[in-house]
């Protein structure tokens, strides 16, 4: 039996590793006060954090800025008009070559 949450977790963690950033954790803490730790899966926590940052106009965590920027610009198509960093452009080009 295949669990899609396992695949999603692997992809999200591998993205951070590929971009040479820290391995993300599953607890969501906003402004050192608001803590969500009972999130059932890593992908759900990641999406919740992304949504909170987007909705509240929060900066991406410095240790995962490339990961979140890649998701925003490449996967979700939410372009802010700024050019991609070389590491993100390389990853985008590599993914396009495999399609």
PDB file of N, CA and C in Angstrom:
ATOM      1  N   UNK A   1       0.832  -1.174   0.000  1.00  0.00           N
ATOM      2  CA  UNK A   1       0.000   0.000   0.000  1.00  0.00           C
ATOM      3  C   UNK A   1       0.888   1.253   0.000  1.00  0.00           C
ATOM      4  N   UNK A   2       0.554   2.221  -0.829  1.00  0.00           N
ATOM      5  CA  UNK A   2       1.337   3.444  -0.914  1.00  0.00           C
ATOM      6  C   UNK A   2       0.651   4.551  -0.126  1.00  0.00           C
ATOM      7  N   UNK A   3       1.428   5.247   0.677  1.00  0.00           N
ATOM      8  CA  UNK A   3       0.908   6.364   1.452  1.00  0.00           C
ATOM      9  C   UNK A   3       1.446   7.653   0.828  1.00  0.00           C
ATOM     10  N   UNK A   4       0.552   8.478   0.309  1.00  0.00           N
ATOM     11  CA  UNK A   4       0.968   9.716  -0.358  1.00  0.00           C
ATOM     12  C   UNK A   4       1.690  10.652   0.605  1.00  0.00           C
ATOM     13  N   UNK A   5       1.359  10.579   1.895  1.00  0.00           N
ATOM     14  CA  UNK A   5       2.020  11.453   2.868  1.00  0.00           C
ATOM     15  C   UNK A   5       3.507  11.143   3.000  1.00  0.00           C
ATOM     16  N   UNK A   6       3.860   9.880   2.829  1.00  0.00           N
ATOM     17  CA  UNK A   6       5.282   9.506   2.874  1.00  0.00           C
ATOM     18  C   UNK A   6       6.011  10.118   1.680  1.00  0.00           C
ATOM     19  N   UNK A   7       5.414  10.015   0.503  1.00  0.00           N
ATOM     20  CA  UNK A   7       6.032  10.608  -0.692  1.00  0.00           C
ATOM     21  C   UNK A   7       6.160  12.121  -0.543  1.00  0.00           C
ATOM     22  N   UNK A   8       5.117  12.767  -0.055  1.00  0.00           N
ATOM     23  CA  UNK A   8       5.165  14.220   0.125  1.00  0.00           C
ATOM     24  C   UNK A   8       6.230  14.621   1.130  1.00  0.00           C
ATOM     25  N   UNK A   9       6.340  13.870   2.217  1.00  0.00           N
ATOM     26  CA  UNK A   9       7.362  14.153   3.227  1.00  0.00           C
ATOM     27  C   UNK A   9       8.760  14.031   2.629  1.00  0.00           C
ATOM     28  N   UNK A  10       8.976  12.976   1.880  1.00  0.00           N
ATOM     29  CA  UNK A  10      10.286  12.769   1.258  1.00  0.00           C
ATOM     30  C   UNK A  10      10.620  13.912   0.295  1.00  0.00           C
ATOM     31  N   UNK A  11       9.663  14.323  -0.507  1.00  0.00           N
ATOM     32  CA  UNK A  11       9.900  15.406  -1.466  1.00  0.00           C
ATOM     33  C   UNK A  11      10.226  16.709  -0.747  1.00  0.00           C
ATOM     34  N   UNK A  12       9.462  17.051   0.280  1.00  0.00           N
ATOM     35  CA  UNK A  12       9.711  18.302   1.003  1.00  0.00           C
ATOM     36  C   UNK A  12      11.057  18.291   1.715  1.00  0.00           C
ATOM     37  N   UNK A  13      11.386  17.173   2.330  1.00  0.00           N
ATOM     38  CA  UNK A  13      12.682  17.083   3.008  1.00  0.00           C
ATOM     39  C   UNK A  13      13.838  17.063   1.990  1.00  0.00           C
ATOM     40  N   UNK A  14      13.641  16.381   0.874  1.00  0.00           N
ATOM     41  CA  UNK A  14      14.680  16.321  -0.158  1.00  0.00           C
ATOM     42  C   UNK A  14      14.905  17.684  -0.796  1.00  0.00           C
ATOM     43  N   UNK A  15      13.849  18.468  -0.943  1.00  0.00           N
ATOM     44  CA  UNK A  15      13.990  19.814  -1.500  1.00  0.00           C
ATOM     45  C   UNK A  15      14.907  20.650  -0.629  1.00  0.00           C
ATOM     46  N   UNK A  16      14.704  20.595   0.682  1.00  0.00           N
ATOM     47  CA  UNK A  16      15.573  21.345   1.599  1.00  0.00           C
ATOM     48  C   UNK A  16      17.013  20.836   1.529  1.00  0.00           C
ATOM     49  N   UNK A  17      17.191  19.534   1.436  1.00  0.00           N
ATOM     50  CA  UNK A  17      18.543  18.966   1.348  1.00  0.00           C
ATOM     51  C   UNK A  17      19.209  19.398   0.043  1.00  0.00           C
ATOM     52  N   UNK A  18      18.482  19.318  -1.062  1.00  0.00           N
ATOM     53  CA  UNK A  18      19.028  19.720  -2.358  1.00  0.00           C
ATOM     54  C   UNK A  18      19.476  21.174  -2.351  1.00  0.00           C
ATOM     55  N   UNK A  19      18.702  22.023  -1.690  1.00  0.00           N
ATOM     56  CA  UNK A  19      19.032  23.452  -1.629  1.00  0.00           C
ATOM     57  C   UNK A  19      19.988  23.789  -0.484  1.00  0.00           C
ATOM     58  N   UNK A  20      20.501  22.735   0.171  1.00  0.00           N
ATOM     59  CA  UNK A  20      21.491  22.859   1.257  1.00  0.00           C
ATOM     60  C   UNK A  20      20.991  23.721   2.404  1.00  0.00           C
ATOM     61  N   UNK A  21      19.758  23.446   2.788  1.00  0.00           N
ATOM     62  CA  UNK A  21      19.165  24.145   3.912  1.00  0.00           C
ATOM     63  C   UNK A  21      18.884  23.148   5.023  1.00  0.00           C
ATOM     64  N   UNK A  22      18.521  23.660   6.209  1.00  0.00           N
ATOM     65  CA  UNK A  22      18.242  22.799   7.352  1.00  0.00           C
ATOM     66  C   UNK A  22      17.013  21.942   7.106  1.00  0.00           C
ATOM     67  N   UNK A  23      17.022  20.778   7.731  1.00  0.00           N
ATOM     68  CA  UNK A  23      15.876  19.878   7.656  1.00  0.00           C
ATOM     69  C   UNK A  23      14.722  20.511   8.437  1.00  0.00           C
ATOM     70  N   UNK A  24      13.575  20.732   7.797  1.00  0.00           N
ATOM     71  CA  UNK A  24      12.461  21.363   8.490  1.00  0.00           C
ATOM     72  C   UNK A  24      11.892  20.467   9.589  1.00  0.00           C
ATOM     73  N   UNK A  25      11.388  21.073  10.631  1.00  0.00           N
ATOM     74  CA  UNK A  25      10.727  20.373  11.728  1.00  0.00           C
ATOM     75  C   UNK A  25       9.216  20.500  11.553  1.00  0.00           C
ATOM     76  N   UNK A  26       8.446  19.717  12.319  1.00  0.00           N
ATOM     77  CA  UNK A  26       6.992  19.712  12.109  1.00  0.00           C
ATOM     78  C   UNK A  26       6.228  20.613  13.065  1.00  0.00           C
ATOM     79  N   UNK A  27       6.843  21.224  14.028  1.00  0.00           N
ATOM     80  CA  UNK A  27       6.140  22.135  14.918  1.00  0.00           C
ATOM     81  C   UNK A  27       6.130  23.521  14.290  1.00  0.00           C
ATOM     82  N   UNK A  28       4.967  24.150  14.267  1.00  0.00           N
ATOM     83  CA  UNK A  28       4.829  25.481  13.692  1.00  0.00           C
ATOM     84  C   UNK A  28       4.771  26.490  14.836  1.00  0.00           C
ATOM     85  N   UNK A  29       5.738  27.419  14.863  1.00  0.00           N
ATOM     86  CA  UNK A  29       5.778  28.459  15.878  1.00  0.00           C
ATOM     87  C   UNK A  29       5.809  29.795  15.154  1.00  0.00           C
ATOM     88  N   UNK A  30       4.844  30.659  15.455  1.00  0.00           N
ATOM     89  CA  UNK A  30       4.766  31.966  14.821  1.00  0.00           C
ATOM     90  C   UNK A  30       4.959  33.034  15.880  1.00  0.00           C
ATOM     91  N   UNK A  31       5.935  33.920  15.650  1.00  0.00           N
ATOM     92  CA  UNK A  31       6.207  35.045  16.539  1.00  0.00           C
ATOM     93  C   UNK A  31       6.488  34.601  17.974  1.00  0.00           C
ATOM     94  N   UNK A  32       7.140  33.476  18.153  1.00  0.00           N
ATOM     95  CA  UNK A  32       7.532  32.931  19.462  1.00  0.00           C
ATOM     96  C   UNK A  32       6.374  32.713  20.427  1.00  0.00           C
ATOM     97  N   UNK A  33       5.156  32.741  19.961  1.00  0.00           N
ATOM     98  CA  UNK A  33       4.008  32.570  20.846  1.00  0.00           C
ATOM     99  C   UNK A  33       3.045  31.496  20.368  1.00  0.00           C
ATOM    100  N   UNK A  34       2.624  31.576  19.144  1.00  0.00           N
ATOM    101  CA  UNK A  34       1.588  30.715  18.594  1.00  0.00           C
ATOM    102  C   UNK A  34       2.220  29.391  18.188  1.00  0.00           C
ATOM    103  N   UNK A  35       1.872  28.309  18.890  1.00  0.00           N
ATOM    104  CA  UNK A  35       2.496  27.014  18.648  1.00  0.00           C
ATOM    105  C   UNK A  35       1.436  25.988  18.228  1.00  0.00           C
ATOM    106  N   UNK A  36       1.705  25.337  17.107  1.00  0.00           N
ATOM    107  CA  UNK A  36       0.866  24.226  16.651  1.00  0.00           C
ATOM    108  C   UNK A  36       1.751  22.995  16.586  1.00  0.00           C
ATOM    109  N   UNK A  37       1.497  22.029  17.446  1.00  0.00           N
ATOM    110  CA  UNK A  37       2.349  20.842  17.440  1.00  0.00           C
ATOM    111  C   UNK A  37       1.578  19.546  17.226  1.00  0.00           C
ATOM    112  N   UNK A  38       0.267  19.596  17.168  1.00  0.00           N
ATOM    113  CA  UNK A  38      -0.523  18.377  16.988  1.00  0.00           C
ATOM    114  C   UNK A  38      -0.965  18.194  15.542  1.00  0.00           C
ATOM    115  N   UNK A  39      -0.107  18.546  14.626  1.00  0.00           N
ATOM    116  CA  UNK A  39      -0.421  18.405  13.204  1.00  0.00           C
ATOM    117  C   UNK A  39      -0.062  16.979  12.806  1.00  0.00           C
ATOM    118  N   UNK A  40      -1.009  16.242  12.208  1.00  0.00           N
ATOM    119  CA  UNK A  40      -0.796  14.805  11.996  1.00  0.00           C
ATOM    120  C   UNK A  40       0.345  14.428  11.057  1.00  0.00           C
ATOM    121  N   UNK A  41       0.588  15.186   9.997  1.00  0.00           N
ATOM    122  CA  UNK A  41       1.650  14.788   9.063  1.00  0.00           C
ATOM    123  C   UNK A  41       2.555  15.969   8.748  1.00  0.00           C
ATOM    124  N   UNK A  42       3.759  15.648   8.340  1.00  0.00           N
ATOM    125  CA  UNK A  42       4.729  16.674   7.969  1.00  0.00           C
ATOM    126  C   UNK A  42       4.235  17.542   6.811  1.00  0.00           C
ATOM    127  N   UNK A  43       3.694  16.950   5.723  1.00  0.00           N
ATOM    128  CA  UNK A  43       3.205  17.795   4.628  1.00  0.00           C
ATOM    129  C   UNK A  43       2.099  18.757   5.067  1.00  0.00           C
ATOM    130  N   UNK A  44       1.216  18.321   5.943  1.00  0.00           N
ATOM    131  CA  UNK A  44       0.173  19.214   6.443  1.00  0.00           C
ATOM    132  C   UNK A  44       0.763  20.366   7.241  1.00  0.00           C
ATOM    133  N   UNK A  45       1.766  20.075   8.048  1.00  0.00           N
ATOM    134  CA  UNK A  45       2.431  21.132   8.817  1.00  0.00           C
ATOM    135  C   UNK A  45       3.119  22.123   7.884  1.00  0.00           C
ATOM    136  N   UNK A  46       3.761  21.604   6.858  1.00  0.00           N
ATOM    137  CA  UNK A  46       4.470  22.454   5.904  1.00  0.00           C
ATOM    138  C   UNK A  46       3.505  23.374   5.162  1.00  0.00           C
ATOM    139  N   UNK A  47       2.383  22.822   4.718  1.00  0.00           N
ATOM    140  CA  UNK A  47       1.377  23.608   4.000  1.00  0.00           C
ATOM    141  C   UNK A  47       0.745  24.639   4.928  1.00  0.00           C
ATOM    142  N   UNK A  48       0.481  24.253   6.163  1.00  0.00           N
ATOM    143  CA  UNK A  48      -0.083  25.187   7.140  1.00  0.00           C
ATOM    144  C   UNK A  48       0.877  26.337   7.393  1.00  0.00           C
ATOM    145  N   UNK A  49       2.148  26.025   7.570  1.00  0.00           N
ATOM    146  CA  UNK A  49       3.147  27.071   7.780  1.00  0.00           C
ATOM    147  C   UNK A  49       3.244  27.988   6.567  1.00  0.00           C
ATOM    148  N   UNK A  50       3.266  27.420   5.375  1.00  0.00           N
ATOM    149  CA  UNK A  50       3.333  28.220   4.152  1.00  0.00           C
ATOM    150  C   UNK A  50       2.115  29.143   4.060  1.00  0.00           C
ATOM    151  N   UNK A  51       0.947  28.596   4.337  1.00  0.00           N
ATOM    152  CA  UNK A  51      -0.275  29.398   4.294  1.00  0.00           C
ATOM    153  C   UNK A  51      -0.277  30.523   5.311  1.00  0.00           C
ATOM    154  N   UNK A  52       0.189  30.236   6.521  1.00  0.00           N
ATOM    155  CA  UNK A  52       0.272  31.281   7.548  1.00  0.00           C
ATOM    156  C   UNK A  52       1.240  32.384   7.139  1.00  0.00           C
ATOM    157  N   UNK A  53       2.387  32.001   6.627  1.00  0.00           N
ATOM    158  CA  UNK A  53       3.369  33.007   6.210  1.00  0.00           C
ATOM    159  C   UNK A  53       2.823  33.856   5.076  1.00  0.00           C
ATOM    160  N   UNK A  54       2.135  33.226   4.140  1.00  0.00           N
ATOM    161  CA  UNK A  54       1.587  33.946   2.995  1.00  0.00           C
ATOM    162  C   UNK A  54       0.455  34.879   3.425  1.00  0.00           C
ATOM    163  N   UNK A  55      -0.456  34.365   4.245  1.00  0.00           N
ATOM    164  CA  UNK A  55      -1.621  35.150   4.667  1.00  0.00           C
ATOM    165  C   UNK A  55      -1.248  36.286   5.611  1.00  0.00           C
ATOM    166  N   UNK A  56      -0.267  36.054   6.475  1.00  0.00           N
ATOM    167  CA  UNK A  56       0.121  37.060   7.460  1.00  0.00           C
ATOM    168  C   UNK A  56       1.294  37.922   7.000  1.00  0.00           C
ATOM    169  N   UNK A  57       1.742  37.706   5.780  1.00  0.00           N
ATOM    170  CA  UNK A  57       2.874  38.465   5.202  1.00  0.00           C
ATOM    171  C   UNK A  57       4.126  38.355   6.073  1.00  0.00           C
ATOM    172  N   UNK A  58       4.405  37.140   6.538  1.00  0.00           N
ATOM    173  CA  UNK A  58       5.598  36.903   7.350  1.00  0.00           C
ATOM    174  C   UNK A  58       6.764  36.550   6.439  1.00  0.00           C
ATOM    175  N   UNK A  59       7.964  36.851   6.876  1.00  0.00           N
ATOM    176  CA  UNK A  59       9.156  36.462   6.131  1.00  0.00           C
ATOM    177  C   UNK A  59       9.357  34.958   6.259  1.00  0.00           C
ATOM    178  N   UNK A  60       9.917  34.377   5.206  1.00  0.00           N
ATOM    179  CA  UNK A  60      10.260  32.966   5.271  1.00  0.00           C
ATOM    180  C   UNK A  60      11.400  32.781   6.263  1.00  0.00           C
ATOM    181  N   UNK A  61      11.461  31.613   6.927  1.00  0.00           N
ATOM    182  CA  UNK A  61      12.590  31.354   7.831  1.00  0.00           C
ATOM    183  C   UNK A  61      13.905  31.418   7.049  1.00  0.00           C
ATOM    184  N   UNK A  62      14.891  32.088   7.610  1.00  0.00           N
ATOM    185  CA  UNK A  62      16.175  32.248   6.909  1.00  0.00           C
ATOM    186  C   UNK A  62      16.800  30.914   6.530  1.00  0.00           C
ATOM    187  N   UNK A  63      16.634  29.917   7.386  1.00  0.00           N
ATOM    188  CA  UNK A  63      17.253  28.619   7.128  1.00  0.00           C
ATOM    189  C   UNK A  63      16.533  27.822   6.048  1.00  0.00           C
ATOM    190  N   UNK A  64      15.352  28.283   5.622  1.00  0.00           N
ATOM    191  CA  UNK A  64      14.582  27.572   4.590  1.00  0.00           C
ATOM    192  C   UNK A  64      14.066  28.519   3.509  1.00  0.00           C
ATOM    193  N   UNK A  65      14.705  29.645   3.333  1.00  0.00           N
ATOM    194  CA  UNK A  65      14.202  30.657   2.408  1.00  0.00           C
ATOM    195  C   UNK A  65      14.152  30.153   0.967  1.00  0.00           C
ATOM    196  N   UNK A  66      15.146  29.395   0.543  1.00  0.00           N
ATOM    197  CA  UNK A  66      15.152  28.891  -0.831  1.00  0.00           C
ATOM    198  C   UNK A  66      14.055  27.838  -1.041  1.00  0.00           C
ATOM    199  N   UNK A  67      13.839  27.005  -0.038  1.00  0.00           N
ATOM    200  CA  UNK A  67      12.791  25.990  -0.134  1.00  0.00           C
ATOM    201  C   UNK A  67      11.428  26.639  -0.313  1.00  0.00           C
ATOM    202  N   UNK A  68      11.112  27.604   0.529  1.00  0.00           N
ATOM    203  CA  UNK A  68       9.815  28.268   0.433  1.00  0.00           C
ATOM    204  C   UNK A  68       9.706  29.124  -0.830  1.00  0.00           C
ATOM    205  N   UNK A  69      10.791  29.750  -1.234  1.00  0.00           N
ATOM    206  CA  UNK A  69      10.774  30.545  -2.469  1.00  0.00           C
ATOM    207  C   UNK A  69      10.530  29.643  -3.674  1.00  0.00           C
ATOM    208  N   UNK A  70      11.153  28.459  -3.695  1.00  0.00           N
ATOM    209  CA  UNK A  70      10.943  27.504  -4.781  1.00  0.00           C
ATOM    210  C   UNK A  70       9.478  27.089  -4.848  1.00  0.00           C
ATOM    211  N   UNK A  71       8.904  26.780  -3.700  1.00  0.00           N
ATOM    212  CA  UNK A  71       7.498  26.375  -3.670  1.00  0.00           C
ATOM    213  C   UNK A  71       6.613  27.517  -4.155  1.00  0.00           C
ATOM    214  N   UNK A  72       6.886  28.726  -3.702  1.00  0.00           N
ATOM    215  CA  UNK A  72       6.084  29.883  -4.086  1.00  0.00           C
ATOM    216  C   UNK A  72       6.174  30.165  -5.581  1.00  0.00           C
ATOM    217  N   UNK A  73       7.383  30.271  -6.088  1.00  0.00           N
ATOM    218  CA  UNK A  73       7.576  30.723  -7.467  1.00  0.00           C
ATOM    219  C   UNK A  73       7.420  29.625  -8.507  1.00  0.00           C
ATOM    220  N   UNK A  74       7.948  28.448  -8.236  1.00  0.00           N
ATOM    221  CA  UNK A  74       7.963  27.383  -9.239  1.00  0.00           C
ATOM    222  C   UNK A  74       6.741  26.485  -9.129  1.00  0.00           C
ATOM    223  N   UNK A  75       6.493  25.957  -7.948  1.00  0.00           N
ATOM    224  CA  UNK A  75       5.398  25.000  -7.802  1.00  0.00           C
ATOM    225  C   UNK A  75       4.028  25.664  -7.803  1.00  0.00           C
ATOM    226  N   UNK A  76       3.911  26.823  -7.154  1.00  0.00           N
ATOM    227  CA  UNK A  76       2.610  27.479  -7.061  1.00  0.00           C
ATOM    228  C   UNK A  76       2.425  28.585  -8.101  1.00  0.00           C
ATOM    229  N   UNK A  77       3.496  28.995  -8.761  1.00  0.00           N
ATOM    230  CA  UNK A  77       3.397  30.017  -9.800  1.00  0.00           C
ATOM    231  C   UNK A  77       3.062  31.401  -9.274  1.00  0.00           C
ATOM    232  N   UNK A  78       3.383  31.664  -8.008  1.00  0.00           N
ATOM    233  CA  UNK A  78       3.131  32.976  -7.414  1.00  0.00           C
ATOM    234  C   UNK A  78       4.383  33.822  -7.560  1.00  0.00           C
ATOM    235  N   UNK A  79       4.615  34.329  -8.737  1.00  0.00           N
ATOM    236  CA  UNK A  79       5.831  35.087  -9.034  1.00  0.00           C
ATOM    237  C   UNK A  79       5.712  36.505  -8.501  1.00  0.00           C
ATOM    238  N   UNK A  80       6.775  36.982  -7.862  1.00  0.00           N
ATOM    239  CA  UNK A  80       6.774  38.344  -7.335  1.00  0.00           C
ATOM    240  C   UNK A  80       7.565  39.306  -8.222  1.00  0.00           C
ATOM    241  N   UNK A  81       7.976  38.853  -9.390  1.00  0.00           N
ATOM    242  CA  UNK A  81       8.683  39.718 -10.329  1.00  0.00           C
ATOM    243  C   UNK A  81      10.187  39.752 -10.144  1.00  0.00           C
ATOM    244  N   UNK A  82      10.682  39.204  -9.039  1.00  0.00           N
ATOM    245  CA  UNK A  82      12.124  39.181  -8.797  1.00  0.00           C
ATOM    246  C   UNK A  82      12.724  37.963  -9.497  1.00  0.00           C
ATOM    247  N   UNK A  83      13.954  38.087 -10.002  1.00  0.00           N
ATOM    248  CA  UNK A  83      14.583  36.932 -10.671  1.00  0.00           C
ATOM    249  C   UNK A  83      14.902  35.819  -9.673  1.00  0.00           C
ATOM    250  N   UNK A  84      14.951  34.597 -10.193  1.00  0.00           N
ATOM    251  CA  UNK A  84      15.288  33.448  -9.363  1.00  0.00           C
ATOM    252  C   UNK A  84      16.766  33.440  -9.012  1.00  0.00           C
ATOM    253  N   UNK A  85      17.076  32.977  -7.819  1.00  0.00           N
ATOM    254  CA  UNK A  85      18.472  32.762  -7.421  1.00  0.00           C
ATOM    255  C   UNK A  85      19.024  31.622  -8.275  1.00  0.00           C
ATOM    256  N   UNK A  86      20.335  31.599  -8.517  1.00  0.00           N
ATOM    257  CA  UNK A  86      20.917  30.549  -9.369  1.00  0.00           C
ATOM    258  C   UNK A  86      20.583  29.124  -8.925  1.00  0.00           C
ATOM    259  N   UNK A  87      20.584  28.860  -7.620  1.00  0.00           N
ATOM    260  CA  UNK A  87      20.287  27.493  -7.162  1.00  0.00           C
ATOM    261  C   UNK A  87      18.855  27.101  -7.493  1.00  0.00           C
ATOM    262  N   UNK A  88      17.930  28.041  -7.427  1.00  0.00           N
ATOM    263  CA  UNK A  88      16.540  27.751  -7.755  1.00  0.00           C
ATOM    264  C   UNK A  88      16.345  27.608  -9.258  1.00  0.00           C
ATOM    265  N   UNK A  89      17.030  28.426 -10.025  1.00  0.00           N
ATOM    266  CA  UNK A  89      16.949  28.335 -11.480  1.00  0.00           C
ATOM    267  C   UNK A  89      17.518  27.006 -11.970  1.00  0.00           C
ATOM    268  N   UNK A  90      18.624  26.565 -11.368  1.00  0.00           N
ATOM    269  CA  UNK A  90      19.211  25.268 -11.731  1.00  0.00           C
ATOM    270  C   UNK A  90      18.248  24.122 -11.445  1.00  0.00           C
ATOM    271  N   UNK A  91      17.608  24.166 -10.275  1.00  0.00           N
ATOM    272  CA  UNK A  91      16.656  23.115  -9.923  1.00  0.00           C
ATOM    273  C   UNK A  91      15.465  23.135 -10.875  1.00  0.00           C
ATOM    274  N   UNK A  92      14.961  24.295 -11.187  1.00  0.00           N
ATOM    275  CA  UNK A  92      13.844  24.420 -12.130  1.00  0.00           C
ATOM    276  C   UNK A  92      14.223  23.822 -13.483  1.00  0.00           C
ATOM    277  N   UNK A  93      15.402  24.170 -13.985  1.00  0.00           N
ATOM    278  CA  UNK A  93      15.856  23.656 -15.283  1.00  0.00           C
ATOM    279  C   UNK A  93      16.043  22.134 -15.256  1.00  0.00           C
ATOM    280  N   UNK A  94      16.586  21.609 -14.155  1.00  0.00           N
ATOM    281  CA  UNK A  94      16.751  20.167 -14.055  1.00  0.00           C
ATOM    282  C   UNK A  94      15.405  19.445 -14.049  1.00  0.00           C
ATOM    283  N   UNK A  95      14.442  20.000 -13.336  1.00  0.00           N
ATOM    284  CA  UNK A  95      13.108  19.404 -13.318  1.00  0.00           C
ATOM    285  C   UNK A  95      12.451  19.457 -14.686  1.00  0.00           C
ATOM    286  N   UNK A  96      12.603  20.563 -15.396  1.00  0.00           N
ATOM    287  CA  UNK A  96      12.020  20.682 -16.729  1.00  0.00           C
ATOM    288  C   UNK A  96      12.651  19.710 -17.711  1.00  0.00           C
ATOM    289  N   UNK A  97      13.945  19.430 -17.545  1.00  0.00           N
ATOM    290  CA  UNK A  97      14.623  18.465 -18.426  1.00  0.00           C
ATOM    291  C   UNK A  97      14.103  17.053 -18.246  1.00  0.00           C
ATOM    292  N   UNK A  98      13.644  16.721 -17.041  1.00  0.00           N
ATOM    293  CA  UNK A  98      13.177  15.359 -16.765  1.00  0.00           C
ATOM    294  C   UNK A  98      11.745  15.138 -17.231  1.00  0.00           C
ATOM    295  N   UNK A  99      11.042  16.206 -17.568  1.00  0.00           N
ATOM    296  CA  UNK A  99       9.630  16.053 -18.001  1.00  0.00           C
ATOM    297  C   UNK A  99       9.524  15.602 -19.419  1.00  0.00           C
TER     298      UNK A  99
END
